[in-house]
Amino acid sequence: PSVARKIASGAKSNTYEWLSMFPMFREWVSGSR
């Protein structure tokens, strides 16, 4: 646990497509997100 986080799995495998989006905030001046 010093280096990793536990993540639950509810099936044969897990899909990690969300890893391609490193979370960061930006100023929302106008227009859409």
PDB file of all heavy atoms in Angstrom:
ATOM      1  N   PRO A   1       0.803  -1.235   0.000  1.00  0.00           N
ATOM      2  CA  PRO A   1       0.000   0.000   0.000  1.00  0.00           C
ATOM      3  C   PRO A   1       0.835   1.285   0.000  1.00  0.00           C
ATOM      4  O   PRO A   1       0.304   2.364  -0.266  1.00  0.00           O
ATOM      5  CB  PRO A   1      -0.824  -0.116   1.285  1.00  0.00           C
ATOM      6  CG  PRO A   1      -0.914  -1.590   1.543  1.00  0.00           C
ATOM      7  CD  PRO A   1       0.432  -2.101   1.138  1.00  0.00           C
ATOM      8  N   SER A   2       2.145   1.172   0.275  1.00  0.00           N
ATOM      9  CA  SER A   2       3.002   2.357   0.235  1.00  0.00           C
ATOM     10  C   SER A   2       3.221   2.849  -1.183  1.00  0.00           C
ATOM     11  O   SER A   2       3.553   4.021  -1.397  1.00  0.00           O
ATOM     12  CB  SER A   2       4.362   2.042   0.874  1.00  0.00           C
ATOM     13  OG  SER A   2       4.224   1.687   2.231  1.00  0.00           O
ATOM     14  N   VAL A   3       3.042   1.962  -2.175  1.00  0.00           N
ATOM     15  CA  VAL A   3       3.298   2.353  -3.560  1.00  0.00           C
ATOM     16  C   VAL A   3       2.088   2.191  -4.464  1.00  0.00           C
ATOM     17  O   VAL A   3       2.060   2.750  -5.575  1.00  0.00           O
ATOM     18  CB  VAL A   3       4.470   1.530  -4.153  1.00  0.00           C
ATOM     19  CG1 VAL A   3       5.723   1.691  -3.306  1.00  0.00           C
ATOM     20  CG2 VAL A   3       4.118   0.061  -4.278  1.00  0.00           C
ATOM     21  N   ALA A   4       1.100   1.414  -4.034  1.00  0.00           N
ATOM     22  CA  ALA A   4      -0.029   1.076  -4.905  1.00  0.00           C
ATOM     23  C   ALA A   4      -1.353   1.351  -4.207  1.00  0.00           C
ATOM     24  O   ALA A   4      -1.416   1.501  -2.985  1.00  0.00           O
ATOM     25  CB  ALA A   4       0.047  -0.394  -5.324  1.00  0.00           C
ATOM     26  N   ARG A   5      -2.424   1.379  -4.989  1.00  0.00           N
ATOM     27  CA  ARG A   5      -3.788   1.484  -4.467  1.00  0.00           C
ATOM     28  C   ARG A   5      -4.544   0.236  -4.852  1.00  0.00           C
ATOM     29  O   ARG A   5      -4.368  -0.288  -5.961  1.00  0.00           O
ATOM     30  CB  ARG A   5      -4.510   2.695  -5.052  1.00  0.00           C
ATOM     31  CG  ARG A   5      -3.830   4.004  -4.780  1.00  0.00           C
ATOM     32  CD  ARG A   5      -4.260   4.626  -3.461  1.00  0.00           C
ATOM     33  NE  ARG A   5      -3.386   5.736  -3.135  1.00  0.00           N
ATOM     34  CZ  ARG A   5      -3.423   6.920  -3.730  1.00  0.00           C
ATOM     35  NH1 ARG A   5      -4.312   7.138  -4.682  1.00  0.00           N
ATOM     36  NH2 ARG A   5      -2.587   7.879  -3.394  1.00  0.00           N
ATOM     37  N   LYS A   6      -5.406  -0.216  -3.972  1.00  0.00           N
ATOM     38  CA  LYS A   6      -6.241  -1.375  -4.312  1.00  0.00           C
ATOM     39  C   LYS A   6      -7.420  -0.896  -5.153  1.00  0.00           C
ATOM     40  O   LYS A   6      -8.031   0.142  -4.879  1.00  0.00           O
ATOM     41  CB  LYS A   6      -6.742  -2.077  -3.057  1.00  0.00           C
ATOM     42  CG  LYS A   6      -7.602  -3.309  -3.348  1.00  0.00           C
ATOM     43  CD  LYS A   6      -8.001  -4.034  -2.065  1.00  0.00           C
ATOM     44  CE  LYS A   6      -6.823  -4.762  -1.458  1.00  0.00           C
ATOM     45  NZ  LYS A   6      -7.241  -5.617  -0.301  1.00  0.00           N
ATOM     46  N   ILE A   7      -7.716  -1.653  -6.185  1.00  0.00           N
ATOM     47  CA  ILE A   7      -8.848  -1.353  -7.040  1.00  0.00           C
ATOM     48  C   ILE A   7      -9.663  -2.630  -7.218  1.00  0.00           C
ATOM     49  O   ILE A   7      -9.110  -3.703  -7.476  1.00  0.00           O
ATOM     50  CB  ILE A   7      -8.386  -0.765  -8.398  1.00  0.00           C
ATOM     51  CG1 ILE A   7      -9.570  -0.210  -9.183  1.00  0.00           C
ATOM     52  CG2 ILE A   7      -7.604  -1.769  -9.215  1.00  0.00           C
ATOM     53  CD1 ILE A   7      -9.160   0.680 -10.347  1.00  0.00           C
ATOM     54  N   ALA A   8     -10.966  -2.522  -7.018  1.00  0.00           N
ATOM     55  CA  ALA A   8     -11.821  -3.704  -7.073  1.00  0.00           C
ATOM     56  C   ALA A   8     -12.036  -4.147  -8.508  1.00  0.00           C
ATOM     57  O   ALA A   8     -12.049  -3.343  -9.440  1.00  0.00           O
ATOM     58  CB  ALA A   8     -13.162  -3.414  -6.405  1.00  0.00           C
ATOM     59  N   SER A   9     -12.219  -5.448  -8.650  1.00  0.00           N
ATOM     60  CA  SER A   9     -12.528  -6.017  -9.956  1.00  0.00           C
ATOM     61  C   SER A   9     -13.788  -6.859  -9.823  1.00  0.00           C
ATOM     62  O   SER A   9     -13.884  -7.696  -8.918  1.00  0.00           O
ATOM     63  CB  SER A   9     -11.365  -6.881 -10.452  1.00  0.00           C
ATOM     64  OG  SER A   9     -11.688  -7.482 -11.697  1.00  0.00           O
ATOM     65  N   GLY A  10     -14.740  -6.647 -10.718  1.00  0.00           N
ATOM     66  CA  GLY A  10     -15.999  -7.376 -10.636  1.00  0.00           C
ATOM     67  C   GLY A  10     -16.222  -8.322 -11.789  1.00  0.00           C
ATOM     68  O   GLY A  10     -17.325  -8.826 -11.973  1.00  0.00           O
ATOM     69  N   ALA A  11     -15.157  -8.580 -12.565  1.00  0.00           N
ATOM     70  CA  ALA A  11     -15.312  -9.437 -13.737  1.00  0.00           C
ATOM     71  C   ALA A  11     -13.994 -10.148 -14.015  1.00  0.00           C
ATOM     72  O   ALA A  11     -13.066 -10.117 -13.207  1.00  0.00           O
ATOM     73  CB  ALA A  11     -15.756  -8.618 -14.941  1.00  0.00           C
ATOM     74  N   LYS A  12     -13.916 -10.766 -15.184  1.00  0.00           N
ATOM     75  CA  LYS A  12     -12.714 -11.504 -15.578  1.00  0.00           C
ATOM     76  C   LYS A  12     -11.520 -10.584 -15.718  1.00  0.00           C
ATOM     77  O   LYS A  12     -10.375 -10.971 -15.486  1.00  0.00           O
ATOM     78  CB  LYS A  12     -12.980 -12.239 -16.894  1.00  0.00           C
ATOM     79  CG  LYS A  12     -11.823 -13.070 -17.394  1.00  0.00           C
ATOM     80  CD  LYS A  12     -12.190 -13.780 -18.689  1.00  0.00           C
ATOM     81  CE  LYS A  12     -11.038 -14.625 -19.204  1.00  0.00           C
ATOM     82  NZ  LYS A  12     -11.388 -15.336 -20.469  1.00  0.00           N
ATOM     83  N   SER A  13     -11.765  -9.321 -16.104  1.00  0.00           N
ATOM     84  CA  SER A  13     -10.690  -8.363 -16.318  1.00  0.00           C
ATOM     85  C   SER A  13     -11.201  -6.957 -16.045  1.00  0.00           C
ATOM     86  O   SER A  13     -12.410  -6.724 -15.949  1.00  0.00           O
ATOM     87  CB  SER A  13     -10.154  -8.462 -17.746  1.00  0.00           C
ATOM     88  OG  SER A  13     -11.173  -8.161 -18.678  1.00  0.00           O
ATOM     89  N   ASN A  14     -10.288  -6.023 -15.921  1.00  0.00           N
ATOM     90  CA  ASN A  14     -10.607  -4.606 -15.807  1.00  0.00           C
ATOM     91  C   ASN A  14     -10.086  -3.870 -17.032  1.00  0.00           C
ATOM     92  O   ASN A  14      -9.011  -4.186 -17.545  1.00  0.00           O
ATOM     93  CB  ASN A  14      -9.966  -3.988 -14.558  1.00  0.00           C
ATOM     94  CG  ASN A  14     -10.751  -4.264 -13.301  1.00  0.00           C
ATOM     95  OD1 ASN A  14     -11.500  -5.228 -13.234  1.00  0.00           O
ATOM     96  ND2 ASN A  14     -10.551  -3.439 -12.284  1.00  0.00           N
ATOM     97  N   THR A  15     -10.843  -2.863 -17.484  1.00  0.00           N
ATOM     98  CA  THR A  15     -10.433  -2.033 -18.609  1.00  0.00           C
ATOM     99  C   THR A  15     -10.119  -0.635 -18.086  1.00  0.00           C
ATOM    100  O   THR A  15     -10.935  -0.033 -17.386  1.00  0.00           O
ATOM    101  CB  THR A  15     -11.536  -1.964 -19.676  1.00  0.00           C
ATOM    102  OG1 THR A  15     -11.822  -3.293 -20.133  1.00  0.00           O
ATOM    103  CG2 THR A  15     -11.086  -1.122 -20.860  1.00  0.00           C
ATOM    104  N   TYR A  16      -8.933  -0.114 -18.449  1.00  0.00           N
ATOM    105  CA  TYR A  16      -8.441   1.130 -17.879  1.00  0.00           C
ATOM    106  C   TYR A  16      -8.298   2.218 -18.943  1.00  0.00           C
ATOM    107  O   TYR A  16      -7.267   2.876 -19.044  1.00  0.00           O
ATOM    108  CB  TYR A  16      -7.091   0.899 -17.198  1.00  0.00           C
ATOM    109  CG  TYR A  16      -7.171   0.017 -15.969  1.00  0.00           C
ATOM    110  CD1 TYR A  16      -7.016  -1.361 -16.077  1.00  0.00           C
ATOM    111  CD2 TYR A  16      -7.399   0.556 -14.708  1.00  0.00           C
ATOM    112  CE1 TYR A  16      -7.087  -2.180 -14.957  1.00  0.00           C
ATOM    113  CE2 TYR A  16      -7.468  -0.253 -13.579  1.00  0.00           C
ATOM    114  CZ  TYR A  16      -7.321  -1.615 -13.722  1.00  0.00           C
ATOM    115  OH  TYR A  16      -7.383  -2.426 -12.606  1.00  0.00           O
ATOM    116  N   GLU A  17      -9.351   2.440 -19.735  1.00  0.00           N
ATOM    117  CA  GLU A  17      -9.271   3.485 -20.748  1.00  0.00           C
ATOM    118  C   GLU A  17      -9.143   4.875 -20.123  1.00  0.00           C
ATOM    119  O   GLU A  17      -8.614   5.793 -20.735  1.00  0.00           O
ATOM    120  CB  GLU A  17     -10.482   3.440 -21.685  1.00  0.00           C
ATOM    121  CG  GLU A  17     -11.800   3.869 -21.079  1.00  0.00           C
ATOM    122  CD  GLU A  17     -12.507   2.749 -20.332  1.00  0.00           C
ATOM    123  OE1 GLU A  17     -11.968   1.639 -20.286  1.00  0.00           O
ATOM    124  OE2 GLU A  17     -13.603   3.000 -19.786  1.00  0.00           O
ATOM    125  N   TRP A  18      -9.604   5.033 -18.880  1.00  0.00           N
ATOM    126  CA  TRP A  18      -9.558   6.332 -18.215  1.00  0.00           C
ATOM    127  C   TRP A  18      -8.135   6.792 -17.890  1.00  0.00           C
ATOM    128  O   TRP A  18      -7.892   7.968 -17.610  1.00  0.00           O
ATOM    129  CB  TRP A  18     -10.387   6.309 -16.931  1.00  0.00           C
ATOM    130  CG  TRP A  18     -10.035   5.194 -15.986  1.00  0.00           C
ATOM    131  CD1 TRP A  18     -10.570   3.945 -15.969  1.00  0.00           C
ATOM    132  CD2 TRP A  18      -9.077   5.230 -14.925  1.00  0.00           C
ATOM    133  NE1 TRP A  18     -10.008   3.191 -14.966  1.00  0.00           N
ATOM    134  CE2 TRP A  18      -9.095   3.952 -14.306  1.00  0.00           C
ATOM    135  CE3 TRP A  18      -8.218   6.204 -14.425  1.00  0.00           C
ATOM    136  CZ2 TRP A  18      -8.268   3.631 -13.228  1.00  0.00           C
ATOM    137  CZ3 TRP A  18      -7.396   5.895 -13.351  1.00  0.00           C
ATOM    138  CH2 TRP A  18      -7.432   4.616 -12.762  1.00  0.00           C
ATOM    139  N   LEU A  19      -7.169   5.869 -17.938  1.00  0.00           N
ATOM    140  CA  LEU A  19      -5.797   6.257 -17.618  1.00  0.00           C
ATOM    141  C   LEU A  19      -5.206   7.220 -18.636  1.00  0.00           C
ATOM    142  O   LEU A  19      -4.192   7.875 -18.367  1.00  0.00           O
ATOM    143  CB  LEU A  19      -4.916   5.009 -17.525  1.00  0.00           C
ATOM    144  CG  LEU A  19      -5.102   4.145 -16.271  1.00  0.00           C
ATOM    145  CD1 LEU A  19      -4.273   2.877 -16.367  1.00  0.00           C
ATOM    146  CD2 LEU A  19      -4.740   4.924 -15.005  1.00  0.00           C
ATOM    147  N   SER A  20      -5.813   7.314 -19.823  1.00  0.00           N
ATOM    148  CA  SER A  20      -5.290   8.234 -20.832  1.00  0.00           C
ATOM    149  C   SER A  20      -5.639   9.686 -20.537  1.00  0.00           C
ATOM    150  O   SER A  20      -5.211  10.583 -21.265  1.00  0.00           O
ATOM    151  CB  SER A  20      -5.814   7.844 -22.221  1.00  0.00           C
ATOM    152  OG  SER A  20      -7.223   7.990 -22.282  1.00  0.00           O
ATOM    153  N   MET A  21      -6.388   9.923 -19.462  1.00  0.00           N
ATOM    154  CA  MET A  21      -6.801  11.296 -19.136  1.00  0.00           C
ATOM    155  C   MET A  21      -6.265  11.689 -17.770  1.00  0.00           C
ATOM    156  O   MET A  21      -6.891  11.453 -16.738  1.00  0.00           O
ATOM    157  CB  MET A  21      -8.333  11.407 -19.162  1.00  0.00           C
ATOM    158  CG  MET A  21      -8.943  11.107 -20.511  1.00  0.00           C
ATOM    159  SD  MET A  21     -10.739  11.350 -20.545  1.00  0.00           S
ATOM    160  CE  MET A  21     -11.283  10.041 -19.443  1.00  0.00           C
ATOM    161  N   PHE A  22      -5.055  12.253 -17.722  1.00  0.00           N
ATOM    162  CA  PHE A  22      -4.486  12.723 -16.459  1.00  0.00           C
ATOM    163  C   PHE A  22      -5.309  13.917 -15.984  1.00  0.00           C
ATOM    164  O   PHE A  22      -5.454  14.907 -16.701  1.00  0.00           O
ATOM    165  CB  PHE A  22      -3.026  13.119 -16.648  1.00  0.00           C
ATOM    166  CG  PHE A  22      -2.266  13.245 -15.362  1.00  0.00           C
ATOM    167  CD1 PHE A  22      -1.493  12.195 -14.898  1.00  0.00           C
ATOM    168  CD2 PHE A  22      -2.331  14.410 -14.605  1.00  0.00           C
ATOM    169  CE1 PHE A  22      -0.788  12.292 -13.708  1.00  0.00           C
ATOM    170  CE2 PHE A  22      -1.644  14.518 -13.412  1.00  0.00           C
ATOM    171  CZ  PHE A  22      -0.864  13.459 -12.960  1.00  0.00           C
ATOM    172  N   PRO A  23      -5.884  13.854 -14.776  1.00  0.00           N
ATOM    173  CA  PRO A  23      -6.812  14.908 -14.342  1.00  0.00           C
ATOM    174  C   PRO A  23      -6.117  16.230 -14.031  1.00  0.00           C
ATOM    175  O   PRO A  23      -5.209  16.304 -13.216  1.00  0.00           O
ATOM    176  CB  PRO A  23      -7.443  14.309 -13.072  1.00  0.00           C
ATOM    177  CG  PRO A  23      -6.445  13.320 -12.568  1.00  0.00           C
ATOM    178  CD  PRO A  23      -5.751  12.771 -13.781  1.00  0.00           C
ATOM    179  N   MET A  24      -6.567  17.303 -14.694  1.00  0.00           N
ATOM    180  CA  MET A  24      -6.054  18.649 -14.459  1.00  0.00           C
ATOM    181  C   MET A  24      -7.169  19.667 -14.656  1.00  0.00           C
ATOM    182  O   MET A  24      -8.038  19.482 -15.516  1.00  0.00           O
ATOM    183  CB  MET A  24      -4.908  18.974 -15.435  1.00  0.00           C
ATOM    184  CG  MET A  24      -3.640  18.184 -15.238  1.00  0.00           C
ATOM    185  SD  MET A  24      -2.322  18.799 -16.322  1.00  0.00           S
ATOM    186  CE  MET A  24      -2.063  20.434 -15.631  1.00  0.00           C
ATOM    187  N   PHE A  25      -7.153  20.739 -13.872  1.00  0.00           N
ATOM    188  CA  PHE A  25      -8.105  21.835 -14.031  1.00  0.00           C
ATOM    189  C   PHE A  25      -7.535  22.889 -14.986  1.00  0.00           C
ATOM    190  O   PHE A  25      -6.318  23.036 -15.123  1.00  0.00           O
ATOM    191  CB  PHE A  25      -8.417  22.485 -12.685  1.00  0.00           C
ATOM    192  CG  PHE A  25      -9.639  21.919 -12.008  1.00  0.00           C
ATOM    193  CD1 PHE A  25      -9.617  20.645 -11.449  1.00  0.00           C
ATOM    194  CD2 PHE A  25     -10.811  22.648 -11.943  1.00  0.00           C
ATOM    195  CE1 PHE A  25     -10.733  20.123 -10.831  1.00  0.00           C
ATOM    196  CE2 PHE A  25     -11.941  22.129 -11.333  1.00  0.00           C
ATOM    197  CZ  PHE A  25     -11.906  20.868 -10.768  1.00  0.00           C
ATOM    198  N   ARG A  26      -8.450  23.606 -15.646  1.00  0.00           N
ATOM    199  CA  ARG A  26      -8.097  24.735 -16.507  1.00  0.00           C
ATOM    200  C   ARG A  26      -9.157  25.809 -16.333  1.00  0.00           C
ATOM    201  O   ARG A  26     -10.274  25.530 -15.883  1.00  0.00           O
ATOM    202  CB  ARG A  26      -8.034  24.298 -17.983  1.00  0.00           C
ATOM    203  CG  ARG A  26      -9.351  23.737 -18.477  1.00  0.00           C
ATOM    204  CD  ARG A  26      -9.287  23.256 -19.912  1.00  0.00           C
ATOM    205  NE  ARG A  26      -9.305  24.339 -20.879  1.00  0.00           N
ATOM    206  CZ  ARG A  26     -10.414  24.909 -21.351  1.00  0.00           C
ATOM    207  NH1 ARG A  26     -11.622  24.503 -20.935  1.00  0.00           N
ATOM    208  NH2 ARG A  26     -10.360  25.881 -22.225  1.00  0.00           N
ATOM    209  N   GLU A  27      -8.796  27.027 -16.675  1.00  0.00           N
ATOM    210  CA  GLU A  27      -9.782  28.102 -16.594  1.00  0.00           C
ATOM    211  C   GLU A  27     -10.821  27.934 -17.701  1.00  0.00           C
ATOM    212  O   GLU A  27     -10.494  27.703 -18.862  1.00  0.00           O
ATOM    213  CB  GLU A  27      -9.107  29.465 -16.737  1.00  0.00           C
ATOM    214  CG  GLU A  27     -10.091  30.611 -16.557  1.00  0.00           C
ATOM    215  CD  GLU A  27      -9.433  31.976 -16.668  1.00  0.00           C
ATOM    216  OE1 GLU A  27      -8.228  32.021 -17.011  1.00  0.00           O
ATOM    217  OE2 GLU A  27     -10.120  32.990 -16.421  1.00  0.00           O
ATOM    218  N   TRP A  28     -12.074  28.063 -17.319  1.00  0.00           N
ATOM    219  CA  TRP A  28     -13.199  27.958 -18.259  1.00  0.00           C
ATOM    220  C   TRP A  28     -13.678  29.386 -18.530  1.00  0.00           C
ATOM    221  O   TRP A  28     -14.444  29.977 -17.768  1.00  0.00           O
ATOM    222  CB  TRP A  28     -14.298  27.102 -17.639  1.00  0.00           C
ATOM    223  CG  TRP A  28     -15.421  26.760 -18.570  1.00  0.00           C
ATOM    224  CD1 TRP A  28     -15.597  27.156 -19.864  1.00  0.00           C
ATOM    225  CD2 TRP A  28     -16.536  25.934 -18.257  1.00  0.00           C
ATOM    226  NE1 TRP A  28     -16.737  26.628 -20.383  1.00  0.00           N
ATOM    227  CE2 TRP A  28     -17.350  25.863 -19.410  1.00  0.00           C
ATOM    228  CE3 TRP A  28     -16.954  25.235 -17.124  1.00  0.00           C
ATOM    229  CZ2 TRP A  28     -18.541  25.150 -19.460  1.00  0.00           C
ATOM    230  CZ3 TRP A  28     -18.122  24.525 -17.159  1.00  0.00           C
ATOM    231  CH2 TRP A  28     -18.914  24.472 -18.317  1.00  0.00           C
ATOM    232  N   VAL A  29     -13.197  29.964 -19.623  1.00  0.00           N
ATOM    233  CA  VAL A  29     -13.493  31.363 -19.916  1.00  0.00           C
ATOM    234  C   VAL A  29     -14.821  31.492 -20.639  1.00  0.00           C
ATOM    235  O   VAL A  29     -15.699  32.260 -20.248  1.00  0.00           O
ATOM    236  CB  VAL A  29     -12.356  31.983 -20.766  1.00  0.00           C
ATOM    237  CG1 VAL A  29     -12.690  33.438 -21.105  1.00  0.00           C
ATOM    238  CG2 VAL A  29     -11.038  31.902 -20.007  1.00  0.00           C
ATOM    239  N   SER A  30     -14.992  30.746 -21.701  1.00  0.00           N
ATOM    240  CA  SER A  30     -16.235  30.812 -22.473  1.00  0.00           C
ATOM    241  C   SER A  30     -16.379  29.527 -23.273  1.00  0.00           C
ATOM    242  O   SER A  30     -15.462  28.717 -23.357  1.00  0.00           O
ATOM    243  CB  SER A  30     -16.224  32.019 -23.420  1.00  0.00           C
ATOM    244  OG  SER A  30     -15.173  31.893 -24.359  1.00  0.00           O
ATOM    245  N   GLY A  31     -17.542  29.398 -23.904  1.00  0.00           N
ATOM    246  CA  GLY A  31     -17.769  28.222 -24.731  1.00  0.00           C
ATOM    247  C   GLY A  31     -18.005  26.970 -23.898  1.00  0.00           C
ATOM    248  O   GLY A  31     -18.284  27.030 -22.696  1.00  0.00           O
ATOM    249  N   SER A  32     -17.892  25.807 -24.534  1.00  0.00           N
ATOM    250  CA  SER A  32     -18.151  24.534 -23.855  1.00  0.00           C
ATOM    251  C   SER A  32     -16.919  24.060 -23.084  1.00  0.00           C
ATOM    252  O   SER A  32     -15.832  24.635 -23.202  1.00  0.00           O
ATOM    253  CB  SER A  32     -18.565  23.474 -24.881  1.00  0.00           C
ATOM    254  OG  SER A  32     -17.492  23.219 -25.766  1.00  0.00           O
ATOM    255  N   ARG A  33     -17.101  23.037 -22.320  1.00  0.00           N
ATOM    256  CA  ARG A  33     -15.994  22.394 -21.633  1.00  0.00           C
ATOM    257  C   ARG A  33     -14.994  21.834 -22.646  1.00  0.00           C
ATOM    258  O   ARG A  33     -15.325  21.603 -23.808  1.00  0.00           O
ATOM    259  CB  ARG A  33     -16.504  21.250 -20.755  1.00  0.00           C
ATOM    260  CG  ARG A  33     -17.306  21.704 -19.547  1.00  0.00           C
ATOM    261  CD  ARG A  33     -17.851  20.494 -18.808  1.00  0.00           C
ATOM    262  NE  ARG A  33     -18.577  20.867 -17.598  1.00  0.00           N
ATOM    263  CZ  ARG A  33     -18.033  20.952 -16.384  1.00  0.00           C
ATOM    264  NH1 ARG A  33     -16.754  20.671 -16.228  1.00  0.00           N
ATOM    265  NH2 ARG A  33     -18.764  21.303 -15.346  1.00  0.00           N
TER     266      ARG A  33
END
